[in-house]
PDB file of N, CA and C in Angstrom:
ATOM      1  N   LEU A   1       0.849  -1.167   0.006  1.00  0.00           N
ATOM      2  CA  LEU A   1      -0.008   0.010   0.005  1.00  0.00           C
ATOM      3  C   LEU A   1       0.890   1.230   0.004  1.00  0.00           C
ATOM      4  N   LEU A   2       0.660   2.132  -0.916  1.00  0.00           N
ATOM      5  CA  LEU A   2       1.434   3.348  -1.053  1.00  0.00           C
ATOM      6  C   LEU A   2       0.525   4.524  -0.740  1.00  0.00           C
ATOM      7  N   ILE A   3       0.944   5.392   0.171  1.00  0.00           N
ATOM      8  CA  ILE A   3       0.153   6.558   0.542  1.00  0.00           C
ATOM      9  C   ILE A   3       0.941   7.803   0.106  1.00  0.00           C
ATOM     10  N   ILE A   4       0.264   8.658  -0.646  1.00  0.00           N
ATOM     11  CA  ILE A   4       0.896   9.875  -1.132  1.00  0.00           C
ATOM     12  C   ILE A   4       0.077  11.062  -0.648  1.00  0.00           C
ATOM     13  N   ALA A   5       0.764  12.020  -0.053  1.00  0.00           N
ATOM     14  CA  ALA A   5       0.090  13.255   0.363  1.00  0.00           C
ATOM     15  C   ALA A   5       0.363  14.318  -0.705  1.00  0.00           C
ATOM     16  N   CYS A   6      -0.713  14.933  -1.203  1.00  0.00           N
ATOM     17  CA  CYS A   6      -0.544  15.976  -2.185  1.00  0.00           C
ATOM     18  C   CYS A   6      -1.509  17.117  -1.900  1.00  0.00           C
ATOM     19  N   GLU A   7      -1.176  18.255  -2.454  1.00  0.00           N
ATOM     20  CA  GLU A   7      -1.987  19.454  -2.248  1.00  0.00           C
ATOM     21  C   GLU A   7      -2.785  19.726  -3.494  1.00  0.00           C
ATOM     22  N   MET A   8      -4.075  19.957  -3.327  1.00  0.00           N
ATOM     23  CA  MET A   8      -4.947  20.268  -4.474  1.00  0.00           C
ATOM     24  C   MET A   8      -4.632  21.686  -4.957  1.00  0.00           C
ATOM     25  N   PRO A   9      -4.345  21.860  -6.246  1.00  0.00           N
ATOM     26  CA  PRO A   9      -3.958  23.172  -6.743  1.00  0.00           C
ATOM     27  C   PRO A   9      -5.083  24.193  -6.655  1.00  0.00           C
ATOM     28  N   SER A  10      -6.321  23.777  -6.806  1.00  0.00           N
ATOM     29  CA  SER A  10      -7.414  24.753  -6.815  1.00  0.00           C
ATOM     30  C   SER A  10      -7.764  25.238  -5.431  1.00  0.00           C
ATOM     31  N   SER A  11      -7.833  24.359  -4.465  1.00  0.00           N
ATOM     32  CA  SER A  11      -8.275  24.788  -3.120  1.00  0.00           C
ATOM     33  C   SER A  11      -7.129  24.886  -2.121  1.00  0.00           C
ATOM     34  N   GLY A  12      -6.017  24.233  -2.386  1.00  0.00           N
ATOM     35  CA  GLY A  12      -4.884  24.280  -1.473  1.00  0.00           C
ATOM     36  C   GLY A  12      -5.012  23.280  -0.316  1.00  0.00           C
ATOM     37  N   ASP A  13      -6.054  22.426  -0.364  1.00  0.00           N
ATOM     38  CA  ASP A  13      -6.262  21.407   0.669  1.00  0.00           C
ATOM     39  C   ASP A  13      -5.287  20.239   0.460  1.00  0.00           C
ATOM     40  N   ASN A  14      -4.876  19.644   1.565  1.00  0.00           N
ATOM     41  CA  ASN A  14      -4.017  18.449   1.514  1.00  0.00           C
ATOM     42  C   ASN A  14      -4.917  17.230   1.367  1.00  0.00           C
ATOM     43  N   VAL A  15      -4.527  16.355   0.455  1.00  0.00           N
ATOM     44  CA  VAL A  15      -5.314  15.138   0.196  1.00  0.00           C
ATOM     45  C   VAL A  15      -4.389  13.947   0.263  1.00  0.00           C
ATOM     46  N   LEU A  16      -4.863  12.843   0.868  1.00  0.00           N
ATOM     47  CA  LEU A  16      -4.115  11.595   0.897  1.00  0.00           C
ATOM     48  C   LEU A  16      -4.634  10.683  -0.217  1.00  0.00           C
ATOM     49  N   VAL A  17      -3.716  10.165  -1.011  1.00  0.00           N
ATOM     50  CA  VAL A  17      -4.077   9.286  -2.100  1.00  0.00           C
ATOM     51  C   VAL A  17      -3.532   7.892  -1.758  1.00  0.00           C
ATOM     52  N   TYR A  18      -4.395   6.885  -1.789  1.00  0.00           N
ATOM     53  CA  TYR A  18      -3.996   5.512  -1.493  1.00  0.00           C
ATOM     54  C   TYR A  18      -3.885   4.734  -2.778  1.00  0.00           C
ATOM     55  N   ILE A  19      -2.745   4.106  -3.001  1.00  0.00           N
ATOM     56  CA  ILE A  19      -2.512   3.330  -4.215  1.00  0.00           C
ATOM     57  C   ILE A  19      -2.178   1.911  -3.794  1.00  0.00           C
ATOM     58  N   ASP A  20      -2.969   0.945  -4.255  1.00  0.00           N
ATOM     59  CA  ASP A  20      -2.700  -0.457  -3.994  1.00  0.00           C
ATOM     60  C   ASP A  20      -1.718  -1.006  -4.981  1.00  0.00           C
ATOM     61  N   PRO A  21      -0.809  -1.902  -4.566  1.00  0.00           N
ATOM     62  CA  PRO A  21       0.121  -2.475  -5.517  1.00  0.00           C
ATOM     63  C   PRO A  21      -0.621  -3.351  -6.500  1.00  0.00           C
ATOM     64  N   PRO A  22      -0.044  -3.524  -7.713  1.00  0.00           N
ATOM     65  CA  PRO A  22      -0.732  -4.359  -8.694  1.00  0.00           C
ATOM     66  C   PRO A  22      -0.775  -5.816  -8.231  1.00  0.00           C
ATOM     67  N   VAL A  23      -1.866  -6.450  -8.525  1.00  0.00           N
ATOM     68  CA  VAL A  23      -2.051  -7.837  -8.154  1.00  0.00           C
ATOM     69  C   VAL A  23      -1.720  -8.693  -9.362  1.00  0.00           C
ATOM     70  N   LEU A  24      -0.824  -9.643  -9.185  1.00  0.00           N
ATOM     71  CA  LEU A  24      -0.466 -10.539 -10.287  1.00  0.00           C
ATOM     72  C   LEU A  24      -1.500 -11.667 -10.374  1.00  0.00           C
ATOM     73  N   ASP A  25      -2.003 -11.873 -11.545  1.00  0.00           N
ATOM     74  CA  ASP A  25      -2.915 -13.004 -11.705  1.00  0.00           C
ATOM     75  C   ASP A  25      -2.056 -14.277 -11.866  1.00  0.00           C
ATOM     76  N   ASP A  26      -2.716 -15.398 -11.942  1.00  0.00           N
ATOM     77  CA  ASP A  26      -2.011 -16.681 -11.965  1.00  0.00           C
ATOM     78  C   ASP A  26      -1.079 -16.807 -13.161  1.00  0.00           C
ATOM     79  N   SER A  27      -1.467 -16.315 -14.317  1.00  0.00           N
ATOM     80  CA  SER A  27      -0.631 -16.474 -15.492  1.00  0.00           C
ATOM     81  C   SER A  27       0.654 -15.671 -15.364  1.00  0.00           C
ATOM     82  N   GLN A  28       0.576 -14.432 -14.852  1.00  0.00           N
ATOM     83  CA  GLN A  28       1.779 -13.622 -14.674  1.00  0.00           C
ATOM     84  C   GLN A  28       2.699 -14.257 -13.631  1.00  0.00           C
ATOM     85  N   GLU A  29       2.105 -14.780 -12.556  1.00  0.00           N
ATOM     86  CA  GLU A  29       2.894 -15.413 -11.519  1.00  0.00           C
ATOM     87  C   GLU A  29       3.590 -16.670 -12.049  1.00  0.00           C
ATOM     88  N   ASN A  30       2.897 -17.428 -12.877  1.00  0.00           N
ATOM     89  CA  ASN A  30       3.490 -18.647 -13.450  1.00  0.00           C
ATOM     90  C   ASN A  30       4.613 -18.297 -14.409  1.00  0.00           C
ATOM     91  N   ILE A  31       4.455 -17.233 -15.182  1.00  0.00           N
ATOM     92  CA  ILE A  31       5.513 -16.797 -16.118  1.00  0.00           C
ATOM     93  C   ILE A  31       6.764 -16.423 -15.310  1.00  0.00           C
ATOM     94  N   ARG A  32       6.587 -15.698 -14.201  1.00  0.00           N
ATOM     95  CA  ARG A  32       7.712 -15.297 -13.390  1.00  0.00           C
ATOM     96  C   ARG A  32       8.402 -16.537 -12.811  1.00  0.00           C
ATOM     97  N   ARG A  33       7.635 -17.505 -12.339  1.00  0.00           N
ATOM     98  CA  ARG A  33       8.219 -18.726 -11.782  1.00  0.00           C
ATOM     99  C   ARG A  33       8.966 -19.536 -12.827  1.00  0.00           C
ATOM    100  N   VAL A  34       8.412 -19.607 -14.022  1.00  0.00           N
ATOM    101  CA  VAL A  34       9.060 -20.358 -15.106  1.00  0.00           C
ATOM    102  C   VAL A  34      10.389 -19.700 -15.453  1.00  0.00           C
ATOM    103  N   LYS A  35      10.417 -18.382 -15.536  1.00  0.00           N
ATOM    104  CA  LYS A  35      11.677 -17.694 -15.846  1.00  0.00           C
ATOM    105  C   LYS A  35      12.721 -17.938 -14.752  1.00  0.00           C
ATOM    106  N   GLN A  36      12.302 -17.854 -13.486  1.00  0.00           N
ATOM    107  CA  GLN A  36      13.225 -18.125 -12.390  1.00  0.00           C
ATOM    108  C   GLN A  36      13.715 -19.558 -12.443  1.00  0.00           C
ATOM    109  N   ASN A  37      12.844 -20.493 -12.721  1.00  0.00           N
ATOM    110  CA  ASN A  37      13.267 -21.901 -12.787  1.00  0.00           C
ATOM    111  C   ASN A  37      14.222 -22.118 -13.933  1.00  0.00           C
ATOM    112  N   LYS A  38      14.034 -21.475 -15.057  1.00  0.00           N
ATOM    113  CA  LYS A  38      14.959 -21.640 -16.184  1.00  0.00           C
ATOM    114  C   LYS A  38      16.345 -21.148 -15.798  1.00  0.00           C
ATOM    115  N   ILE A  39      16.420 -20.002 -15.140  1.00  0.00           N
ATOM    116  CA  ILE A  39      17.711 -19.449 -14.742  1.00  0.00           C
ATOM    117  C   ILE A  39      18.384 -20.376 -13.722  1.00  0.00           C
ATOM    118  N   LEU A  40      17.645 -20.819 -12.710  1.00  0.00           N
ATOM    119  CA  LEU A  40      18.196 -21.684 -11.696  1.00  0.00           C
ATOM    120  C   LEU A  40      18.624 -23.024 -12.295  1.00  0.00           C
ATOM    121  N   THR A  41      17.837 -23.551 -13.196  1.00  0.00           N
ATOM    122  CA  THR A  41      18.187 -24.811 -13.854  1.00  0.00           C
ATOM    123  C   THR A  41      19.459 -24.645 -14.678  1.00  0.00           C
ATOM    124  N   PHE A  42      19.543 -23.561 -15.428  1.00  0.00           N
ATOM    125  CA  PHE A  42      20.756 -23.320 -16.252  1.00  0.00           C
ATOM    126  C   PHE A  42      21.984 -23.201 -15.355  1.00  0.00           C
ATOM    127  N   LEU A  43      21.860 -22.484 -14.227  1.00  0.00           N
ATOM    128  CA  LEU A  43      23.016 -22.314 -13.343  1.00  0.00           C
ATOM    129  C   LEU A  43      23.392 -23.600 -12.637  1.00  0.00           C
ATOM    130  N   SER A  44      22.380 -24.425 -12.327  1.00  0.00           N
ATOM    131  CA  SER A  44      22.723 -25.702 -11.659  1.00  0.00           C
ATOM    132  C   SER A  44      23.301 -26.689 -12.674  1.00  0.00           C
ATOM    133  N   ASP A  45      22.907 -26.615 -13.933  1.00  0.00           N
ATOM    134  CA  ASP A  45      23.479 -27.462 -14.965  1.00  0.00           C
ATOM    135  C   ASP A  45      24.858 -26.994 -15.407  1.00  0.00           C
ATOM    136  N   ASN A  46      25.120 -25.701 -15.264  1.00  0.00           N
ATOM    137  CA  ASN A  46      26.374 -25.110 -15.734  1.00  0.00           C
ATOM    138  C   ASN A  46      26.924 -24.197 -14.640  1.00  0.00           C
ATOM    139  N   PRO A  47      27.563 -24.722 -13.592  1.00  0.00           N
ATOM    140  CA  PRO A  47      28.042 -23.900 -12.493  1.00  0.00           C
ATOM    141  C   PRO A  47      29.355 -23.178 -12.770  1.00  0.00           C
ATOM    142  N   VAL A  48      29.993 -23.417 -13.905  1.00  0.00           N
ATOM    143  CA  VAL A  48      31.296 -22.826 -14.211  1.00  0.00           C
ATOM    144  C   VAL A  48      31.232 -21.291 -14.259  1.00  0.00           C
ATOM    145  N   PRO A  49      30.167 -20.675 -14.848  1.00  0.00           N
ATOM    146  CA  PRO A  49      30.119 -19.196 -14.843  1.00  0.00           C
ATOM    147  C   PRO A  49      30.051 -18.613 -13.426  1.00  0.00           C
ATOM    148  N   ILE A  50      29.496 -19.334 -12.460  1.00  0.00           N
ATOM    149  CA  ILE A  50      29.442 -18.829 -11.103  1.00  0.00           C
ATOM    150  C   ILE A  50      30.877 -18.718 -10.554  1.00  0.00           C
ATOM    151  N   PHE A  51      31.736 -19.710 -10.886  1.00  0.00           N
ATOM    152  CA  PHE A  51      33.147 -19.618 -10.478  1.00  0.00           C
ATOM    153  C   PHE A  51      33.800 -18.412 -11.115  1.00  0.00           C
ATOM    154  N   GLY A  52      33.546 -18.172 -12.394  1.00  0.00           N
ATOM    155  CA  GLY A  52      34.126 -17.025 -13.102  1.00  0.00           C
ATOM    156  C   GLY A  52      33.634 -15.693 -12.487  1.00  0.00           C
ATOM    157  N   LEU A  53      32.369 -15.655 -12.118  1.00  0.00           N
ATOM    158  CA  LEU A  53      31.825 -14.441 -11.505  1.00  0.00           C
ATOM    159  C   LEU A  53      32.484 -14.192 -10.154  1.00  0.00           C
ATOM    160  N   GLY A  54      32.633 -15.265  -9.375  1.00  0.00           N
ATOM    161  CA  GLY A  54      33.304 -15.111  -8.076  1.00  0.00           C
ATOM    162  C   GLY A  54      34.748 -14.646  -8.212  1.00  0.00           C
ATOM    163  N   LEU A  55      35.453 -15.199  -9.195  1.00  0.00           N
ATOM    164  CA  LEU A  55      36.819 -14.810  -9.435  1.00  0.00           C
ATOM    165  C   LEU A  55      36.903 -13.345  -9.885  1.00  0.00           C
ATOM    166  N   THR A  56      35.946 -12.918 -10.705  1.00  0.00           N
ATOM    167  CA  THR A  56      35.889 -11.539 -11.155  1.00  0.00           C
ATOM    168  C   THR A  56      35.690 -10.580  -9.986  1.00  0.00           C
ATOM    169  N   VAL A  57      34.733 -10.916  -9.118  1.00  0.00           N
ATOM    170  CA  VAL A  57      34.451 -10.072  -7.956  1.00  0.00           C
ATOM    171  C   VAL A  57      35.657 -10.026  -7.016  1.00  0.00           C
ATOM    172  N   PHE A  58      36.291 -11.174  -6.813  1.00  0.00           N
ATOM    173  CA  PHE A  58      37.481 -11.217  -5.967  1.00  0.00           C
ATOM    174  C   PHE A  58      38.585 -10.312  -6.515  1.00  0.00           C
ATOM    175  N   ALA A  59      38.867 -10.433  -7.835  1.00  0.00           N
ATOM    176  CA  ALA A  59      39.921  -9.644  -8.442  1.00  0.00           C
ATOM    177  C   ALA A  59      39.617  -8.169  -8.383  1.00  0.00           C
ATOM    178  N   LEU A  60      38.373  -7.812  -8.656  1.00  0.00           N
ATOM    179  CA  LEU A  60      37.995  -6.392  -8.615  1.00  0.00           C
ATOM    180  C   LEU A  60      38.135  -5.827  -7.215  1.00  0.00           C
ATOM    181  N   GLY A  61      37.579  -6.538  -6.237  1.00  0.00           N
ATOM    182  CA  GLY A  61      37.650  -6.062  -4.845  1.00  0.00           C
ATOM    183  C   GLY A  61      39.095  -5.981  -4.351  1.00  0.00           C
ATOM    184  N   ASN A  62      39.895  -6.993  -4.647  1.00  0.00           N
ATOM    185  CA  ASN A  62      41.280  -6.990  -4.202  1.00  0.00           C
ATOM    186  C   ASN A  62      42.083  -5.911  -4.923  1.00  0.00           C
ATOM    187  N   GLY A  63      41.776  -5.698  -6.234  1.00  0.00           N
ATOM    188  CA  GLY A  63      42.444  -4.652  -6.982  1.00  0.00           C
ATOM    189  C   GLY A  63      42.121  -3.264  -6.436  1.00  0.00           C
ATOM    190  N   LEU A  64      40.871  -3.047  -6.087  1.00  0.00           N
ATOM    191  CA  LEU A  64      40.488  -1.742  -5.522  1.00  0.00           C
ATOM    192  C   LEU A  64      41.151  -1.548  -4.146  1.00  0.00           C
ATOM    193  N   ARG A  65      41.231  -2.618  -3.373  1.00  0.00           N
ATOM    194  CA  ARG A  65      41.868  -2.516  -2.068  1.00  0.00           C
ATOM    195  C   ARG A  65      43.348  -2.139  -2.205  1.00  0.00           C
ATOM    196  N   HIS A  66      44.042  -2.761  -3.135  1.00  0.00           N
ATOM    197  CA  HIS A  66      45.457  -2.444  -3.355  1.00  0.00           C
ATOM    198  C   HIS A  66      45.620  -1.069  -3.982  1.00  0.00           C
ATOM    199  N   MET A  67      44.642  -0.616  -4.718  1.00  0.00           N
ATOM    200  CA  MET A  67      44.732   0.754  -5.236  1.00  0.00           C
ATOM    201  C   MET A  67      44.682   1.767  -4.091  1.00  0.00           C
ATOM    202  N   LEU A  68      43.816   1.508  -3.104  1.00  0.00           N
ATOM    203  CA  LEU A  68      43.752   2.397  -1.942  1.00  0.00           C
ATOM    204  C   LEU A  68      44.999   2.305  -1.078  1.00  0.00           C
ATOM    205  N   LEU A  69      45.661   1.142  -1.100  1.00  0.00           N
ATOM    206  CA  LEU A  69      46.890   0.961  -0.347  1.00  0.00           C
ATOM    207  C   LEU A  69      48.121   1.485  -1.110  1.00  0.00           C
ATOM    208  N   ARG A  70      47.898   1.981  -2.308  1.00  0.00           N
ATOM    209  CA  ARG A  70      48.947   2.510  -3.193  1.00  0.00           C
ATOM    210  C   ARG A  70      49.970   1.459  -3.584  1.00  0.00           C
ATOM    211  N   ASP A  71      49.516   0.217  -3.719  1.00  0.00           N
ATOM    212  CA  ASP A  71      50.349  -0.877  -4.186  1.00  0.00           C
ATOM    213  C   ASP A  71      50.034  -1.106  -5.664  1.00  0.00           C
ATOM    214  N   SER A  72      50.691  -0.338  -6.511  1.00  0.00           N
ATOM    215  CA  SER A  72      50.310  -0.357  -7.933  1.00  0.00           C
ATOM    216  C   SER A  72      50.654  -1.677  -8.619  1.00  0.00           C
ATOM    217  N   LYS A  73      51.709  -2.351  -8.174  1.00  0.00           N
ATOM    218  CA  LYS A  73      52.108  -3.604  -8.821  1.00  0.00           C
ATOM    219  C   LYS A  73      51.025  -4.686  -8.628  1.00  0.00           C
ATOM    220  N   THR A  74      50.583  -4.850  -7.380  1.00  0.00           N
ATOM    221  CA  THR A  74      49.544  -5.865  -7.124  1.00  0.00           C
ATOM    222  C   THR A  74      48.214  -5.445  -7.702  1.00  0.00           C
ATOM    223  N   GLN A  75      47.924  -4.145  -7.655  1.00  0.00           N
ATOM    224  CA  GLN A  75      46.670  -3.632  -8.211  1.00  0.00           C
ATOM    225  C   GLN A  75      46.607  -3.918  -9.711  1.00  0.00           C
ATOM    226  N   GLN A  76      47.736  -3.757 -10.408  1.00  0.00           N
ATOM    227  CA  GLN A  76      47.767  -4.002 -11.835  1.00  0.00           C
ATOM    228  C   GLN A  76      47.546  -5.499 -12.141  1.00  0.00           C
ATOM    229  N   LYS A  77      48.149  -6.363 -11.315  1.00  0.00           N
ATOM    230  CA  LYS A  77      47.961  -7.810 -11.482  1.00  0.00           C
ATOM    231  C   LYS A  77      46.487  -8.196 -11.275  1.00  0.00           C
ATOM    232  N   MET A  78      45.851  -7.586 -10.272  1.00  0.00           N
ATOM    233  CA  MET A  78      44.456  -7.892 -10.001  1.00  0.00           C
ATOM    234  C   MET A  78      43.548  -7.393 -11.132  1.00  0.00           C
ATOM    235  N   MET A  79      43.837  -6.267 -11.716  1.00  0.00           N
ATOM    236  CA  MET A  79      43.012  -5.782 -12.817  1.00  0.00           C
ATOM    237  C   MET A  79      43.186  -6.667 -14.056  1.00  0.00           C
ATOM    238  N   ARG A  80      44.386  -7.189 -14.262  1.00  0.00           N
ATOM    239  CA  ARG A  80      44.584  -8.118 -15.371  1.00  0.00           C
ATOM    240  C   ARG A  80      43.853  -9.428 -15.105  1.00  0.00           C
ATOM    241  N   LEU A  81      43.902  -9.877 -13.839  1.00  0.00           N
ATOM    242  CA  LEU A  81      43.166 -11.084 -13.450  1.00  0.00           C
ATOM    243  C   LEU A  81      41.652 -10.864 -13.665  1.00  0.00           C
ATOM    244  N   ARG A  82      41.172  -9.673 -13.353  1.00  0.00           N
ATOM    245  CA  ARG A  82      39.749  -9.369 -13.531  1.00  0.00           C
ATOM    246  C   ARG A  82      39.355  -9.500 -14.995  1.00  0.00           C
ATOM    247  N   VAL A  83      40.171  -8.930 -15.898  1.00  0.00           N
ATOM    248  CA  VAL A  83      39.851  -9.000 -17.312  1.00  0.00           C
ATOM    249  C   VAL A  83      39.856 -10.453 -17.783  1.00  0.00           C
ATOM    250  N   GLY A  84      40.849 -11.227 -17.343  1.00  0.00           N
ATOM    251  CA  GLY A  84      40.871 -12.649 -17.705  1.00  0.00           C
ATOM    252  C   GLY A  84      39.669 -13.402 -17.161  1.00  0.00           C
ATOM    253  N   ALA A  85      39.289 -13.088 -15.913  1.00  0.00           N
ATOM    254  CA  ALA A  85      38.129 -13.756 -15.311  1.00  0.00           C
ATOM    255  C   ALA A  85      36.842 -13.401 -16.043  1.00  0.00           C
ATOM    256  N   GLN A  86      36.736 -12.148 -16.474  1.00  0.00           N
ATOM    257  CA  GLN A  86      35.536 -11.742 -17.227  1.00  0.00           C
ATOM    258  C   GLN A  86      35.484 -12.493 -18.569  1.00  0.00           C
ATOM    259  N   GLY A  87      36.623 -12.610 -19.226  1.00  0.00           N
ATOM    260  CA  GLY A  87      36.649 -13.371 -20.478  1.00  0.00           C
ATOM    261  C   GLY A  87      36.289 -14.821 -20.273  1.00  0.00           C
ATOM    262  N   PHE A  88      36.817 -15.422 -19.172  1.00  0.00           N
ATOM    263  CA  PHE A  88      36.510 -16.785 -18.829  1.00  0.00           C
ATOM    264  C   PHE A  88      35.000 -16.959 -18.578  1.00  0.00           C
ATOM    265  N   THR A  89      34.394 -16.005 -17.889  1.00  0.00           N
ATOM    266  CA  THR A  89      32.947 -16.071 -17.591  1.00  0.00           C
ATOM    267  C   THR A  89      32.120 -15.990 -18.857  1.00  0.00           C
ATOM    268  N   VAL A  90      32.481 -15.104 -19.762  1.00  0.00           N
ATOM    269  CA  VAL A  90      31.749 -14.968 -21.026  1.00  0.00           C
ATOM    270  C   VAL A  90      31.867 -16.261 -21.851  1.00  0.00           C
ATOM    271  N   LEU A  91      33.097 -16.813 -21.909  1.00  0.00           N
ATOM    272  CA  LEU A  91      33.290 -18.062 -22.635  1.00  0.00           C
ATOM    273  C   LEU A  91      32.504 -19.221 -22.014  1.00  0.00           C
ATOM    274  N   ALA A  92      32.489 -19.285 -20.672  1.00  0.00           N
ATOM    275  CA  ALA A  92      31.752 -20.339 -19.999  1.00  0.00           C
ATOM    276  C   ALA A  92      30.240 -20.220 -20.231  1.00  0.00           C
ATOM    277  N   LEU A  93      29.729 -18.981 -20.202  1.00  0.00           N
ATOM    278  CA  LEU A  93      28.321 -18.784 -20.488  1.00  0.00           C
ATOM    279  C   LEU A  93      27.981 -19.187 -21.917  1.00  0.00           C
ATOM    280  N   THR A  94      28.828 -18.753 -22.849  1.00  0.00           N
ATOM    281  CA  THR A  94      28.580 -19.095 -24.248  1.00  0.00           C
ATOM    282  C   THR A  94      28.621 -20.608 -24.483  1.00  0.00           C
ATOM    283  N   ALA A  95      29.610 -21.269 -23.890  1.00  0.00           N
ATOM    284  CA  ALA A  95      29.707 -22.724 -24.007  1.00  0.00           C
ATOM    285  C   ALA A  95      28.498 -23.408 -23.393  1.00  0.00           C
ATOM    286  N   GLY A  96      28.030 -22.880 -22.250  1.00  0.00           N
ATOM    287  CA  GLY A  96      26.868 -23.459 -21.594  1.00  0.00           C
ATOM    288  C   GLY A  96      25.603 -23.328 -22.423  1.00  0.00           C
ATOM    289  N   VAL A  97      25.409 -22.169 -23.043  1.00  0.00           N
ATOM    290  CA  VAL A  97      24.234 -21.954 -23.888  1.00  0.00           C
ATOM    291  C   VAL A  97      24.310 -22.866 -25.108  1.00  0.00           C
ATOM    292  N   MET A  98      25.491 -22.952 -25.698  1.00  0.00           N
ATOM    293  CA  MET A  98      25.645 -23.834 -26.888  1.00  0.00           C
ATOM    294  C   MET A  98      25.404 -25.297 -26.517  1.00  0.00           C
ATOM    295  N   TYR A  99      25.916 -25.722 -25.373  1.00  0.00           N
ATOM    296  CA  TYR A  99      25.717 -27.098 -24.921  1.00  0.00           C
ATOM    297  C   TYR A  99      24.242 -27.377 -24.656  1.00  0.00           C
ATOM    298  N   SER A 100      23.558 -26.426 -24.010  1.00  0.00           N
ATOM    299  CA  SER A 100      22.124 -26.594 -23.752  1.00  0.00           C
ATOM    300  C   SER A 100      21.328 -26.686 -25.035  1.00  0.00           C
ATOM    301  N   ALA A 101      21.672 -25.829 -25.991  1.00  0.00           N
ATOM    302  CA  ALA A 101      20.987 -25.885 -27.290  1.00  0.00           C
ATOM    303  C   ALA A 101      21.240 -27.190 -28.009  1.00  0.00           C
ATOM    304  N   PHE A 102      22.479 -27.693 -27.901  1.00  0.00           N
ATOM    305  CA  PHE A 102      22.839 -28.952 -28.563  1.00  0.00           C
ATOM    306  C   PHE A 102      22.086 -30.130 -27.930  1.00  0.00           C
ATOM    307  N   THR A 103      22.020 -30.186 -26.615  1.00  0.00           N
ATOM    308  CA  THR A 103      21.365 -31.286 -25.953  1.00  0.00           C
ATOM    309  C   THR A 103      19.850 -31.234 -26.141  1.00  0.00           C
ATOM    310  N   GLN A 104      19.268 -30.026 -26.213  1.00  0.00           N
ATOM    311  CA  GLN A 104      17.827 -29.937 -26.447  1.00  0.00           C
ATOM    312  C   GLN A 104      17.455 -30.279 -27.879  1.00  0.00           C
ATOM    313  N   SER A 105      18.345 -30.005 -28.819  1.00  0.00           N
ATOM    314  CA  SER A 105      18.046 -30.329 -30.222  1.00  0.00           C
ATOM    315  C   SER A 105      18.160 -31.848 -30.472  1.00  0.00           C
ATOM    316  N   ASN A 106      18.894 -32.538 -29.638  1.00  0.00           N
ATOM    317  CA  ASN A 106      19.052 -33.987 -29.787  1.00  0.00           C
ATOM    318  C   ASN A 106      17.963 -34.767 -29.081  1.00  0.00           C
ATOM    319  N   LYS A 107      17.105 -34.125 -28.351  1.00  0.00           N
ATOM    320  CA  LYS A 107      16.033 -34.845 -27.622  1.00  0.00           C
ATOM    321  C   LYS A 107      14.910 -35.198 -28.538  1.00  0.00           C
TER     322      LYS A 107
END
């Protein structure tokens, strides 16, 4: 429930407006669940991109930390690791999508 207080331009009176959130019908709720299930199924079938994402986040965080510590040598290594991890993640996602398409076409 959203409550908005506004002033009427003509009279200057304050008015409260109540707005109910939209209600999802069964079909919209089912579509949302199906999309979530597809993503979770893809990630459980292909966990390699999760490793790449974790490595990317680690390298970025560690690189930023070393930047603040003024350790440019380690910071540069971490930024290079981040770029490599991002490339690995993209390749893993692409390979996973291609593998899923290949296995579904053979069914």
